[in-house]
């Protein structure tokens, strides 16, 4: 499974959520979930600091890469971060779960249960 994580260091909600996502990711390091960070930061320096301080060992698209604007537009994330979207096996977005951020923050579900829920949505 591949999830795109749209976030920025200037966003208070992101600063609150990112450590939770990092913990979630680390709990299932061999689960088959990969996270790709899509930076909405205001500079490469800010992105680097945010990655270093808050993020897990995730893939990321470097600051300023042209694909960031395309991804923001494709997933309609302009005013909605943190935003986590799970991709279908063919690369299309899974929108059946409306808020992946809420799933990660649910204390009563284990990572295994959440990943099962997500896997059931992937074609």
PDB file of N, CA and C in Angstrom:
ATOM      1  N   UNK A   1       0.838  -1.178   0.000  1.00  0.00           N
ATOM      2  CA  UNK A   1       0.000   0.000   0.000  1.00  0.00           C
ATOM      3  C   UNK A   1       0.883   1.240   0.000  1.00  0.00           C
ATOM      4  N   UNK A   2       0.459   2.228  -0.750  1.00  0.00           N
ATOM      5  CA  UNK A   2       1.167   3.500  -0.796  1.00  0.00           C
ATOM      6  C   UNK A   2       0.203   4.602  -0.384  1.00  0.00           C
ATOM      7  N   UNK A   3       0.642   5.410   0.578  1.00  0.00           N
ATOM      8  CA  UNK A   3      -0.137   6.560   1.022  1.00  0.00           C
ATOM      9  C   UNK A   3       0.658   7.823   0.731  1.00  0.00           C
ATOM     10  N   UNK A   4      -0.026   8.837   0.236  1.00  0.00           N
ATOM     11  CA  UNK A   4       0.569  10.151   0.044  1.00  0.00           C
ATOM     12  C   UNK A   4       0.189  11.002   1.245  1.00  0.00           C
ATOM     13  N   UNK A   5       1.192  11.619   1.859  1.00  0.00           N
ATOM     14  CA  UNK A   5       0.960  12.453   3.036  1.00  0.00           C
ATOM     15  C   UNK A   5       1.307  13.894   2.716  1.00  0.00           C
ATOM     16  N   UNK A   6       0.278  14.733   2.645  1.00  0.00           N
ATOM     17  CA  UNK A   6       0.425  16.161   2.385  1.00  0.00           C
ATOM     18  C   UNK A   6       0.484  16.879   3.733  1.00  0.00           C
ATOM     19  N   UNK A   7       1.560  17.642   3.945  1.00  0.00           N
ATOM     20  CA  UNK A   7       1.763  18.259   5.247  1.00  0.00           C
ATOM     21  C   UNK A   7       2.779  19.389   5.126  1.00  0.00           C
ATOM     22  N   UNK A   8       2.886  20.203   6.194  1.00  0.00           N
ATOM     23  CA  UNK A   8       3.846  21.302   6.214  1.00  0.00           C
ATOM     24  C   UNK A   8       4.220  21.649   7.651  1.00  0.00           C
ATOM     25  N   UNK A   9       5.432  22.152   7.811  1.00  0.00           N
ATOM     26  CA  UNK A   9       5.923  22.489   9.151  1.00  0.00           C
ATOM     27  C   UNK A   9       5.231  23.701   9.743  1.00  0.00           C
ATOM     28  N   UNK A  10       4.603  24.538   8.949  1.00  0.00           N
ATOM     29  CA  UNK A  10       3.931  25.740   9.446  1.00  0.00           C
ATOM     30  C   UNK A  10       2.503  25.460   9.913  1.00  0.00           C
ATOM     31  N   UNK A  11       2.031  24.246   9.715  1.00  0.00           N
ATOM     32  CA  UNK A  11       0.646  23.869  10.017  1.00  0.00           C
ATOM     33  C   UNK A  11       0.556  23.235  11.410  1.00  0.00           C
ATOM     34  N   UNK A  12      -0.101  23.899  12.385  1.00  0.00           N
ATOM     35  CA  UNK A  12      -0.199  23.337  13.737  1.00  0.00           C
ATOM     36  C   UNK A  12      -0.833  21.939  13.775  1.00  0.00           C
ATOM     37  N   UNK A  13      -1.863  21.714  12.975  1.00  0.00           N
ATOM     38  CA  UNK A  13      -2.496  20.387  12.949  1.00  0.00           C
ATOM     39  C   UNK A  13      -1.532  19.334  12.434  1.00  0.00           C
ATOM     40  N   UNK A  14      -0.689  19.717  11.476  1.00  0.00           N
ATOM     41  CA  UNK A  14       0.311  18.790  10.936  1.00  0.00           C
ATOM     42  C   UNK A  14       1.350  18.451  11.998  1.00  0.00           C
ATOM     43  N   UNK A  15       1.784  19.471  12.747  1.00  0.00           N
ATOM     44  CA  UNK A  15       2.778  19.239  13.798  1.00  0.00           C
ATOM     45  C   UNK A  15       2.230  18.331  14.886  1.00  0.00           C
ATOM     46  N   UNK A  16       0.935  18.367  15.094  1.00  0.00           N
ATOM     47  CA  UNK A  16       0.285  17.482  16.055  1.00  0.00           C
ATOM     48  C   UNK A  16       0.135  16.069  15.490  1.00  0.00           C
ATOM     49  N   UNK A  17      -0.233  15.959  14.219  1.00  0.00           N
ATOM     50  CA  UNK A  17      -0.534  14.662  13.628  1.00  0.00           C
ATOM     51  C   UNK A  17       0.707  13.885  13.171  1.00  0.00           C
ATOM     52  N   UNK A  18       1.708  14.553  12.649  1.00  0.00           N
ATOM     53  CA  UNK A  18       2.859  13.865  12.053  1.00  0.00           C
ATOM     54  C   UNK A  18       3.535  12.892  13.021  1.00  0.00           C
ATOM     55  N   UNK A  19       3.768  13.244  14.288  1.00  0.00           N
ATOM     56  CA  UNK A  19       4.355  12.255  15.200  1.00  0.00           C
ATOM     57  C   UNK A  19       3.464  11.016  15.386  1.00  0.00           C
ATOM     58  N   UNK A  20       2.153  11.194  15.331  1.00  0.00           N
ATOM     59  CA  UNK A  20       1.233  10.050  15.427  1.00  0.00           C
ATOM     60  C   UNK A  20       1.366   9.157  14.206  1.00  0.00           C
ATOM     61  N   UNK A  21       1.491   9.783  13.036  1.00  0.00           N
ATOM     62  CA  UNK A  21       1.667   9.007  11.812  1.00  0.00           C
ATOM     63  C   UNK A  21       3.014   8.289  11.826  1.00  0.00           C
ATOM     64  N   UNK A  22       4.023   8.951  12.333  1.00  0.00           N
ATOM     65  CA  UNK A  22       5.348   8.330  12.440  1.00  0.00           C
ATOM     66  C   UNK A  22       5.280   7.087  13.327  1.00  0.00           C
ATOM     67  N   UNK A  23       4.633   7.214  14.481  1.00  0.00           N
ATOM     68  CA  UNK A  23       4.490   6.074  15.394  1.00  0.00           C
ATOM     69  C   UNK A  23       3.701   4.953  14.724  1.00  0.00           C
ATOM     70  N   UNK A  24       2.610   5.317  14.064  1.00  0.00           N
ATOM     71  CA  UNK A  24       1.780   4.354  13.340  1.00  0.00           C
ATOM     72  C   UNK A  24       2.617   3.606  12.307  1.00  0.00           C
ATOM     73  N   UNK A  25       3.405   4.331  11.552  1.00  0.00           N
ATOM     74  CA  UNK A  25       4.254   3.744  10.518  1.00  0.00           C
ATOM     75  C   UNK A  25       5.297   2.813  11.133  1.00  0.00           C
ATOM     76  N   UNK A  26       5.924   3.261  12.211  1.00  0.00           N
ATOM     77  CA  UNK A  26       6.967   2.465  12.847  1.00  0.00           C
ATOM     78  C   UNK A  26       6.420   1.190  13.481  1.00  0.00           C
ATOM     79  N   UNK A  27       5.168   1.220  13.948  1.00  0.00           N
ATOM     80  CA  UNK A  27       4.554   0.028  14.522  1.00  0.00           C
ATOM     81  C   UNK A  27       4.367  -1.063  13.472  1.00  0.00           C
ATOM     82  N   UNK A  28       4.216  -0.663  12.234  1.00  0.00           N
ATOM     83  CA  UNK A  28       3.985  -1.635  11.170  1.00  0.00           C
ATOM     84  C   UNK A  28       5.051  -1.587  10.099  1.00  0.00           C
ATOM     85  N   UNK A  29       6.309  -1.435  10.530  1.00  0.00           N
ATOM     86  CA  UNK A  29       7.403  -1.228   9.588  1.00  0.00           C
ATOM     87  C   UNK A  29       7.465  -2.314   8.517  1.00  0.00           C
ATOM     88  N   UNK A  30       7.032  -3.493   8.802  1.00  0.00           N
ATOM     89  CA  UNK A  30       7.043  -4.571   7.811  1.00  0.00           C
ATOM     90  C   UNK A  30       5.641  -4.910   7.313  1.00  0.00           C
ATOM     91  N   UNK A  31       4.749  -3.952   7.380  1.00  0.00           N
ATOM     92  CA  UNK A  31       3.343  -4.186   7.046  1.00  0.00           C
ATOM     93  C   UNK A  31       3.037  -4.064   5.562  1.00  0.00           C
ATOM     94  N   UNK A  32       3.962  -3.513   4.804  1.00  0.00           N
ATOM     95  CA  UNK A  32       3.700  -3.287   3.382  1.00  0.00           C
ATOM     96  C   UNK A  32       3.174  -1.894   3.096  1.00  0.00           C
ATOM     97  N   UNK A  33       3.109  -1.037   4.104  1.00  0.00           N
ATOM     98  CA  UNK A  33       2.670   0.347   3.916  1.00  0.00           C
ATOM     99  C   UNK A  33       3.878   1.228   3.661  1.00  0.00           C
ATOM    100  N   UNK A  34       3.814   2.007   2.603  1.00  0.00           N
ATOM    101  CA  UNK A  34       4.832   3.024   2.338  1.00  0.00           C
ATOM    102  C   UNK A  34       4.152   4.382   2.323  1.00  0.00           C
ATOM    103  N   UNK A  35       4.799   5.356   2.933  1.00  0.00           N
ATOM    104  CA  UNK A  35       4.283   6.716   2.970  1.00  0.00           C
ATOM    105  C   UNK A  35       5.211   7.602   2.154  1.00  0.00           C
ATOM    106  N   UNK A  36       4.614   8.428   1.307  1.00  0.00           N
ATOM    107  CA  UNK A  36       5.368   9.408   0.533  1.00  0.00           C
ATOM    108  C   UNK A  36       4.926  10.791   1.004  1.00  0.00           C
ATOM    109  N   UNK A  37       5.876  11.548   1.539  1.00  0.00           N
ATOM    110  CA  UNK A  37       5.601  12.891   2.039  1.00  0.00           C
ATOM    111  C   UNK A  37       5.585  13.869   0.875  1.00  0.00           C
ATOM    112  N   UNK A  38       4.481  14.618   0.785  1.00  0.00           N
ATOM    113  CA  UNK A  38       4.337  15.671  -0.214  1.00  0.00           C
ATOM    114  C   UNK A  38       4.372  16.998   0.554  1.00  0.00           C
ATOM    115  N   UNK A  39       5.454  17.715   0.410  1.00  0.00           N
ATOM    116  CA  UNK A  39       5.684  18.923   1.187  1.00  0.00           C
ATOM    117  C   UNK A  39       4.869  20.107   0.681  1.00  0.00           C
ATOM    118  N   UNK A  40       4.223  20.780   1.618  1.00  0.00           N
ATOM    119  CA  UNK A  40       3.561  22.045   1.345  1.00  0.00           C
ATOM    120  C   UNK A  40       4.349  23.155   2.074  1.00  0.00           C
ATOM    121  N   UNK A  41       5.591  22.846   2.407  1.00  0.00           N
ATOM    122  CA  UNK A  41       6.447  23.789   3.108  1.00  0.00           C
ATOM    123  C   UNK A  41       6.789  24.978   2.229  1.00  0.00           C
ATOM    124  N   UNK A  42       7.338  26.016   2.866  1.00  0.00           N
ATOM    125  CA  UNK A  42       7.613  27.270   2.159  1.00  0.00           C
ATOM    126  C   UNK A  42       9.054  27.405   1.686  1.00  0.00           C
ATOM    127  N   UNK A  43       9.898  26.424   2.024  1.00  0.00           N
ATOM    128  CA  UNK A  43      11.281  26.438   1.540  1.00  0.00           C
ATOM    129  C   UNK A  43      11.882  25.043   1.715  1.00  0.00           C
ATOM    130  N   UNK A  44      12.955  24.796   0.983  1.00  0.00           N
ATOM    131  CA  UNK A  44      13.651  23.514   1.104  1.00  0.00           C
ATOM    132  C   UNK A  44      14.213  23.348   2.518  1.00  0.00           C
ATOM    133  N   UNK A  45      14.691  24.440   3.086  1.00  0.00           N
ATOM    134  CA  UNK A  45      15.244  24.406   4.439  1.00  0.00           C
ATOM    135  C   UNK A  45      14.178  24.012   5.464  1.00  0.00           C
ATOM    136  N   UNK A  46      12.980  24.567   5.320  1.00  0.00           N
ATOM    137  CA  UNK A  46      11.864  24.222   6.220  1.00  0.00           C
ATOM    138  C   UNK A  46      11.478  22.758   6.058  1.00  0.00           C
ATOM    139  N   UNK A  47      11.443  22.276   4.805  1.00  0.00           N
ATOM    140  CA  UNK A  47      11.114  20.878   4.566  1.00  0.00           C
ATOM    141  C   UNK A  47      12.145  19.961   5.225  1.00  0.00           C
ATOM    142  N   UNK A  48      13.417  20.272   5.059  1.00  0.00           N
ATOM    143  CA  UNK A  48      14.477  19.460   5.657  1.00  0.00           C
ATOM    144  C   UNK A  48      14.359  19.414   7.178  1.00  0.00           C
ATOM    145  N   UNK A  49      14.115  20.560   7.788  1.00  0.00           N
ATOM    146  CA  UNK A  49      13.981  20.613   9.246  1.00  0.00           C
ATOM    147  C   UNK A  49      12.776  19.796   9.710  1.00  0.00           C
ATOM    148  N   UNK A  50      11.678  19.914   9.003  1.00  0.00           N
ATOM    149  CA  UNK A  50      10.454  19.178   9.339  1.00  0.00           C
ATOM    150  C   UNK A  50      10.689  17.675   9.205  1.00  0.00           C
ATOM    151  N   UNK A  51      11.330  17.267   8.128  1.00  0.00           N
ATOM    152  CA  UNK A  51      11.644  15.851   7.924  1.00  0.00           C
ATOM    153  C   UNK A  51      12.521  15.329   9.067  1.00  0.00           C
ATOM    154  N   UNK A  52      13.538  16.073   9.382  1.00  0.00           N
ATOM    155  CA  UNK A  52      14.499  15.638  10.388  1.00  0.00           C
ATOM    156  C   UNK A  52      13.879  15.528  11.781  1.00  0.00           C
ATOM    157  N   UNK A  53      13.047  16.509  12.137  1.00  0.00           N
ATOM    158  CA  UNK A  53      12.508  16.548  13.495  1.00  0.00           C
ATOM    159  C   UNK A  53      11.275  15.675  13.705  1.00  0.00           C
ATOM    160  N   UNK A  54      10.405  15.589  12.716  1.00  0.00           N
ATOM    161  CA  UNK A  54       9.097  14.972  12.935  1.00  0.00           C
ATOM    162  C   UNK A  54       8.837  13.668  12.182  1.00  0.00           C
ATOM    163  N   UNK A  55       9.446  13.495  11.051  1.00  0.00           N
ATOM    164  CA  UNK A  55       9.037  12.416  10.156  1.00  0.00           C
ATOM    165  C   UNK A  55       9.722  11.092  10.430  1.00  0.00           C
ATOM    166  N   UNK A  56       9.070  10.059   9.893  1.00  0.00           N
ATOM    167  CA  UNK A  56       9.644   8.732   9.929  1.00  0.00           C
ATOM    168  C   UNK A  56      10.585   8.547   8.752  1.00  0.00           C
ATOM    169  N   UNK A  57      10.988   7.345   8.530  1.00  0.00           N
ATOM    170  CA  UNK A  57      11.886   7.008   7.439  1.00  0.00           C
ATOM    171  C   UNK A  57      11.057   6.835   6.164  1.00  0.00           C
ATOM    172  N   UNK A  58      10.465   7.932   5.710  1.00  0.00           N
ATOM    173  CA  UNK A  58       9.549   7.895   4.584  1.00  0.00           C
ATOM    174  C   UNK A  58      10.209   8.403   3.321  1.00  0.00           C
ATOM    175  N   UNK A  59       9.627   8.009   2.229  1.00  0.00           N
ATOM    176  CA  UNK A  59       9.995   8.598   0.955  1.00  0.00           C
ATOM    177  C   UNK A  59       9.413  10.005   0.921  1.00  0.00           C
ATOM    178  N   UNK A  60       9.978  10.871   0.106  1.00  0.00           N
ATOM    179  CA  UNK A  60       9.408  12.204  -0.025  1.00  0.00           C
ATOM    180  C   UNK A  60       9.770  12.787  -1.377  1.00  0.00           C
ATOM    181  N   UNK A  61       8.975  13.733  -1.789  1.00  0.00           N
ATOM    182  CA  UNK A  61       9.252  14.471  -3.017  1.00  0.00           C
ATOM    183  C   UNK A  61       9.972  15.748  -2.600  1.00  0.00           C
ATOM    184  N   UNK A  62      11.131  16.008  -3.166  1.00  0.00           N
ATOM    185  CA  UNK A  62      11.901  17.186  -2.757  1.00  0.00           C
ATOM    186  C   UNK A  62      11.138  18.493  -2.973  1.00  0.00           C
ATOM    187  N   UNK A  63      11.395  19.442  -2.097  1.00  0.00           N
ATOM    188  CA  UNK A  63      10.784  20.757  -2.192  1.00  0.00           C
ATOM    189  C   UNK A  63      10.999  21.331  -3.591  1.00  0.00           C
ATOM    190  N   UNK A  64       9.939  21.925  -4.132  1.00  0.00           N
ATOM    191  CA  UNK A  64      10.029  22.592  -5.422  1.00  0.00           C
ATOM    192  C   UNK A  64       9.810  21.699  -6.629  1.00  0.00           C
ATOM    193  N   UNK A  65       9.710  20.390  -6.422  1.00  0.00           N
ATOM    194  CA  UNK A  65       9.474  19.484  -7.546  1.00  0.00           C
ATOM    195  C   UNK A  65       8.124  19.822  -8.184  1.00  0.00           C
ATOM    196  N   UNK A  66       8.086  19.856  -9.508  1.00  0.00           N
ATOM    197  CA  UNK A  66       6.865  20.236 -10.238  1.00  0.00           C
ATOM    198  C   UNK A  66       5.696  19.293  -9.961  1.00  0.00           C
ATOM    199  N   UNK A  67       5.978  18.056  -9.624  1.00  0.00           N
ATOM    200  CA  UNK A  67       4.888  17.099  -9.393  1.00  0.00           C
ATOM    201  C   UNK A  67       4.071  17.436  -8.149  1.00  0.00           C
ATOM    202  N   UNK A  68       4.620  18.224  -7.239  1.00  0.00           N
ATOM    203  CA  UNK A  68       3.884  18.584  -6.016  1.00  0.00           C
ATOM    204  C   UNK A  68       2.609  19.341  -6.356  1.00  0.00           C
ATOM    205  N   UNK A  69       2.709  20.327  -7.221  1.00  0.00           N
ATOM    206  CA  UNK A  69       1.517  21.103  -7.599  1.00  0.00           C
ATOM    207  C   UNK A  69       0.487  20.223  -8.298  1.00  0.00           C
ATOM    208  N   UNK A  70       0.956  19.314  -9.132  1.00  0.00           N
ATOM    209  CA  UNK A  70       0.044  18.393  -9.822  1.00  0.00           C
ATOM    210  C   UNK A  70      -0.675  17.509  -8.816  1.00  0.00           C
ATOM    211  N   UNK A  71       0.050  16.960  -7.858  1.00  0.00           N
ATOM    212  CA  UNK A  71      -0.555  16.099  -6.843  1.00  0.00           C
ATOM    213  C   UNK A  71      -1.538  16.876  -5.972  1.00  0.00           C
ATOM    214  N   UNK A  72      -1.168  18.096  -5.574  1.00  0.00           N
ATOM    215  CA  UNK A  72      -2.091  18.925  -4.779  1.00  0.00           C
ATOM    216  C   UNK A  72      -3.393  19.152  -5.535  1.00  0.00           C
ATOM    217  N   UNK A  73      -3.283  19.429  -6.819  1.00  0.00           N
ATOM    218  CA  UNK A  73      -4.480  19.665  -7.638  1.00  0.00           C
ATOM    219  C   UNK A  73      -5.278  18.379  -7.817  1.00  0.00           C
ATOM    220  N   UNK A  74      -4.599  17.281  -8.124  1.00  0.00           N
ATOM    221  CA  UNK A  74      -5.284  16.004  -8.366  1.00  0.00           C
ATOM    222  C   UNK A  74      -6.048  15.511  -7.140  1.00  0.00           C
ATOM    223  N   UNK A  75      -5.510  15.780  -5.951  1.00  0.00           N
ATOM    224  CA  UNK A  75      -6.139  15.301  -4.729  1.00  0.00           C
ATOM    225  C   UNK A  75      -6.849  16.403  -3.955  1.00  0.00           C
ATOM    226  N   UNK A  76      -6.958  17.593  -4.568  1.00  0.00           N
ATOM    227  CA  UNK A  76      -7.721  18.700  -4.001  1.00  0.00           C
ATOM    228  C   UNK A  76      -7.348  18.972  -2.542  1.00  0.00           C
ATOM    229  N   UNK A  77      -6.063  19.183  -2.298  1.00  0.00           N
ATOM    230  CA  UNK A  77      -5.569  19.358  -0.931  1.00  0.00           C
ATOM    231  C   UNK A  77      -5.215  20.797  -0.597  1.00  0.00           C
ATOM    232  N   UNK A  78      -5.555  21.740  -1.417  1.00  0.00           N
ATOM    233  CA  UNK A  78      -5.086  23.112  -1.226  1.00  0.00           C
ATOM    234  C   UNK A  78      -5.390  23.687   0.147  1.00  0.00           C
ATOM    235  N   UNK A  79      -6.508  23.362   0.731  1.00  0.00           N
ATOM    236  CA  UNK A  79      -6.882  23.954   2.017  1.00  0.00           C
ATOM    237  C   UNK A  79      -7.133  22.888   3.078  1.00  0.00           C
ATOM    238  N   UNK A  80      -6.533  21.738   2.906  1.00  0.00           N
ATOM    239  CA  UNK A  80      -6.902  20.621   3.776  1.00  0.00           C
ATOM    240  C   UNK A  80      -5.665  19.797   4.145  1.00  0.00           C
ATOM    241  N   UNK A  81      -4.839  20.324   5.038  1.00  0.00           N
ATOM    242  CA  UNK A  81      -3.737  19.513   5.534  1.00  0.00           C
ATOM    243  C   UNK A  81      -3.815  19.473   7.054  1.00  0.00           C
ATOM    244  N   UNK A  82      -3.356  18.411   7.672  1.00  0.00           N
ATOM    245  CA  UNK A  82      -2.740  17.247   7.051  1.00  0.00           C
ATOM    246  C   UNK A  82      -3.761  16.433   6.265  1.00  0.00           C
ATOM    247  N   UNK A  83      -3.278  15.832   5.193  1.00  0.00           N
ATOM    248  CA  UNK A  83      -4.135  15.034   4.319  1.00  0.00           C
ATOM    249  C   UNK A  83      -3.377  13.780   3.939  1.00  0.00           C
ATOM    250  N   UNK A  84      -4.041  12.645   4.098  1.00  0.00           N
ATOM    251  CA  UNK A  84      -3.437  11.348   3.825  1.00  0.00           C
ATOM    252  C   UNK A  84      -4.350  10.599   2.875  1.00  0.00           C
ATOM    253  N   UNK A  85      -3.838  10.245   1.697  1.00  0.00           N
ATOM    254  CA  UNK A  85      -4.640   9.536   0.712  1.00  0.00           C
ATOM    255  C   UNK A  85      -3.978   8.204   0.389  1.00  0.00           C
ATOM    256  N   UNK A  86      -4.768   7.170   0.367  1.00  0.00           N
ATOM    257  CA  UNK A  86      -4.288   5.834   0.029  1.00  0.00           C
ATOM    258  C   UNK A  86      -4.530   5.586  -1.447  1.00  0.00           C
ATOM    259  N   UNK A  87      -3.510   5.119  -2.144  1.00  0.00           N
ATOM    260  CA  UNK A  87      -3.636   4.881  -3.573  1.00  0.00           C
ATOM    261  C   UNK A  87      -4.096   3.460  -3.860  1.00  0.00           C
ATOM    262  N   UNK A  88      -4.864   3.331  -4.909  1.00  0.00           N
ATOM    263  CA  UNK A  88      -5.229   2.006  -5.411  1.00  0.00           C
ATOM    264  C   UNK A  88      -3.987   1.367  -6.016  1.00  0.00           C
ATOM    265  N   UNK A  89      -4.027   0.079  -6.256  1.00  0.00           N
ATOM    266  CA  UNK A  89      -2.889  -0.610  -6.863  1.00  0.00           C
ATOM    267  C   UNK A  89      -2.540  -0.051  -8.229  1.00  0.00           C
ATOM    268  N   UNK A  90      -3.518   0.515  -8.921  1.00  0.00           N
ATOM    269  CA  UNK A  90      -3.250   1.088 -10.242  1.00  0.00           C
ATOM    270  C   UNK A  90      -2.831   2.559 -10.145  1.00  0.00           C
ATOM    271  N   UNK A  91      -2.672   3.077  -8.923  1.00  0.00           N
ATOM    272  CA  UNK A  91      -2.226   4.449  -8.723  1.00  0.00           C
ATOM    273  C   UNK A  91      -3.340   5.462  -8.553  1.00  0.00           C
ATOM    274  N   UNK A  92      -4.579   5.040  -8.718  1.00  0.00           N
ATOM    275  CA  UNK A  92      -5.688   5.979  -8.539  1.00  0.00           C
ATOM    276  C   UNK A  92      -5.999   6.113  -7.046  1.00  0.00           C
ATOM    277  N   UNK A  93      -6.599   7.238  -6.628  1.00  0.00           N
ATOM    278  CA  UNK A  93      -6.835   7.443  -5.197  1.00  0.00           C
ATOM    279  C   UNK A  93      -7.999   6.621  -4.678  1.00  0.00           C
ATOM    280  N   UNK A  94      -7.864   6.165  -3.452  1.00  0.00           N
ATOM    281  CA  UNK A  94      -8.963   5.525  -2.756  1.00  0.00           C
ATOM    282  C   UNK A  94      -9.674   6.608  -1.971  1.00  0.00           C
ATOM    283  N   UNK A  95     -10.869   6.912  -2.358  1.00  0.00           N
ATOM    284  CA  UNK A  95     -11.608   7.949  -1.650  1.00  0.00           C
ATOM    285  C   UNK A  95     -12.757   7.347  -0.841  1.00  0.00           C
ATOM    286  N   UNK A  96     -12.822   6.035  -0.744  1.00  0.00           N
ATOM    287  CA  UNK A  96     -13.892   5.384   0.000  1.00  0.00           C
ATOM    288  C   UNK A  96     -13.798   5.690   1.489  1.00  0.00           C
ATOM    289  N   UNK A  97     -12.579   5.892   1.970  1.00  0.00           N
ATOM    290  CA  UNK A  97     -12.391   6.314   3.351  1.00  0.00           C
ATOM    291  C   UNK A  97     -12.142   7.812   3.297  1.00  0.00           C
ATOM    292  N   UNK A  98     -13.029   8.583   3.851  1.00  0.00           N
ATOM    293  CA  UNK A  98     -12.973  10.022   3.656  1.00  0.00           C
ATOM    294  C   UNK A  98     -11.872  10.710   4.433  1.00  0.00           C
ATOM    295  N   UNK A  99     -11.445  10.148   5.556  1.00  0.00           N
ATOM    296  CA  UNK A  99     -10.433  10.840   6.335  1.00  0.00           C
ATOM    297  C   UNK A  99      -9.461   9.837   6.949  1.00  0.00           C
ATOM    298  N   UNK A 100      -8.361   9.592   6.247  1.00  0.00           N
ATOM    299  CA  UNK A 100      -7.359   8.652   6.739  1.00  0.00           C
ATOM    300  C   UNK A 100      -6.695   9.164   8.007  1.00  0.00           C
ATOM    301  N   UNK A 101      -6.627  10.477   8.160  1.00  0.00           N
ATOM    302  CA  UNK A 101      -6.043  11.069   9.360  1.00  0.00           C
ATOM    303  C   UNK A 101      -6.815  10.582  10.579  1.00  0.00           C
ATOM    304  N   UNK A 102      -8.135  10.592  10.513  1.00  0.00           N
ATOM    305  CA  UNK A 102      -8.951  10.114  11.631  1.00  0.00           C
ATOM    306  C   UNK A 102      -8.681   8.646  11.935  1.00  0.00           C
ATOM    307  N   UNK A 103      -8.496   7.825  10.898  1.00  0.00           N
ATOM    308  CA  UNK A 103      -8.208   6.407  11.116  1.00  0.00           C
ATOM    309  C   UNK A 103      -6.939   6.228  11.949  1.00  0.00           C
ATOM    310  N   UNK A 104      -5.894   6.941  11.600  1.00  0.00           N
ATOM    311  CA  UNK A 104      -4.621   6.824  12.308  1.00  0.00           C
ATOM    312  C   UNK A 104      -4.759   7.284  13.756  1.00  0.00           C
ATOM    313  N   UNK A 105      -5.593   8.281  13.998  1.00  0.00           N
ATOM    314  CA  UNK A 105      -5.748   8.821  15.346  1.00  0.00           C
ATOM    315  C   UNK A 105      -6.684   8.008  16.237  1.00  0.00           C
ATOM    316  N   UNK A 106      -7.361   7.032  15.693  1.00  0.00           N
ATOM    317  CA  UNK A 106      -8.287   6.226  16.490  1.00  0.00           C
ATOM    318  C   UNK A 106      -7.510   5.346  17.458  1.00  0.00           C
ATOM    319  N   UNK A 107      -7.693   5.591  18.726  1.00  0.00           N
ATOM    320  CA  UNK A 107      -6.973   4.830  19.745  1.00  0.00           C
ATOM    321  C   UNK A 107      -7.486   3.407  19.897  1.00  0.00           C
ATOM    322  N   UNK A 108      -8.727   3.164  19.525  1.00  0.00           N
ATOM    323  CA  UNK A 108      -9.314   1.849  19.772  1.00  0.00           C
ATOM    324  C   UNK A 108      -9.017   0.836  18.656  1.00  0.00           C
ATOM    325  N   UNK A 109      -8.386   1.265  17.562  1.00  0.00           N
ATOM    326  CA  UNK A 109      -8.027   0.346  16.495  1.00  0.00           C
ATOM    327  C   UNK A 109      -6.522   0.111  16.494  1.00  0.00           C
ATOM    328  N   UNK A 110      -6.132  -1.137  16.292  1.00  0.00           N
ATOM    329  CA  UNK A 110      -4.710  -1.434  16.159  1.00  0.00           C
ATOM    330  C   UNK A 110      -4.274  -1.116  14.730  1.00  0.00           C
ATOM    331  N   UNK A 111      -2.978  -1.019  14.534  1.00  0.00           N
ATOM    332  CA  UNK A 111      -2.473  -0.776  13.192  1.00  0.00           C
ATOM    333  C   UNK A 111      -2.915  -1.889  12.251  1.00  0.00           C
ATOM    334  N   UNK A 112      -2.863  -3.114  12.737  1.00  0.00           N
ATOM    335  CA  UNK A 112      -3.272  -4.257  11.913  1.00  0.00           C
ATOM    336  C   UNK A 112      -4.727  -4.100  11.463  1.00  0.00           C
ATOM    337  N   UNK A 113      -5.599  -3.665  12.370  1.00  0.00           N
ATOM    338  CA  UNK A 113      -7.009  -3.472  12.032  1.00  0.00           C
ATOM    339  C   UNK A 113      -7.193  -2.347  11.011  1.00  0.00           C
ATOM    340  N   UNK A 114      -6.434  -1.266  11.196  1.00  0.00           N
ATOM    341  CA  UNK A 114      -6.535  -0.145  10.260  1.00  0.00           C
ATOM    342  C   UNK A 114      -6.037  -0.556   8.880  1.00  0.00           C
ATOM    343  N   UNK A 115      -4.891  -1.241   8.828  1.00  0.00           N
ATOM    344  CA  UNK A 115      -4.366  -1.664   7.525  1.00  0.00           C
ATOM    345  C   UNK A 115      -5.295  -2.653   6.841  1.00  0.00           C
ATOM    346  N   UNK A 116      -5.953  -3.502   7.613  1.00  0.00           N
ATOM    347  CA  UNK A 116      -6.943  -4.430   7.043  1.00  0.00           C
ATOM    348  C   UNK A 116      -8.098  -3.636   6.451  1.00  0.00           C
ATOM    349  N   UNK A 117      -8.572  -2.626   7.183  1.00  0.00           N
ATOM    350  CA  UNK A 117      -9.656  -1.766   6.708  1.00  0.00           C
ATOM    351  C   UNK A 117      -9.244  -1.108   5.392  1.00  0.00           C
ATOM    352  N   UNK A 118      -8.016  -0.588   5.351  1.00  0.00           N
ATOM    353  CA  UNK A 118      -7.537   0.066   4.139  1.00  0.00           C
ATOM    354  C   UNK A 118      -7.386  -0.930   2.991  1.00  0.00           C
ATOM    355  N   UNK A 119      -6.810  -2.103   3.295  1.00  0.00           N
ATOM    356  CA  UNK A 119      -6.573  -3.125   2.262  1.00  0.00           C
ATOM    357  C   UNK A 119      -7.889  -3.559   1.625  1.00  0.00           C
ATOM    358  N   UNK A 120      -8.944  -3.593   2.412  1.00  0.00           N
ATOM    359  CA  UNK A 120     -10.254  -3.966   1.889  1.00  0.00           C
ATOM    360  C   UNK A 120     -10.774  -2.952   0.861  1.00  0.00           C
ATOM    361  N   UNK A 121     -10.242  -1.738   0.888  1.00  0.00           N
ATOM    362  CA  UNK A 121     -10.666  -0.692  -0.032  1.00  0.00           C
ATOM    363  C   UNK A 121      -9.856  -0.665  -1.324  1.00  0.00           C
ATOM    364  N   UNK A 122      -8.721  -1.373  -1.335  1.00  0.00           N
ATOM    365  CA  UNK A 122      -7.841  -1.358  -2.504  1.00  0.00           C
ATOM    366  C   UNK A 122      -8.304  -2.414  -3.500  1.00  0.00           C
ATOM    367  N   UNK A 123      -8.365  -2.022  -4.747  1.00  0.00           N
ATOM    368  CA  UNK A 123      -8.766  -2.941  -5.811  1.00  0.00           C
ATOM    369  C   UNK A 123      -7.551  -3.671  -6.320  1.00  0.00           C
TER     370      UNK A 123
END
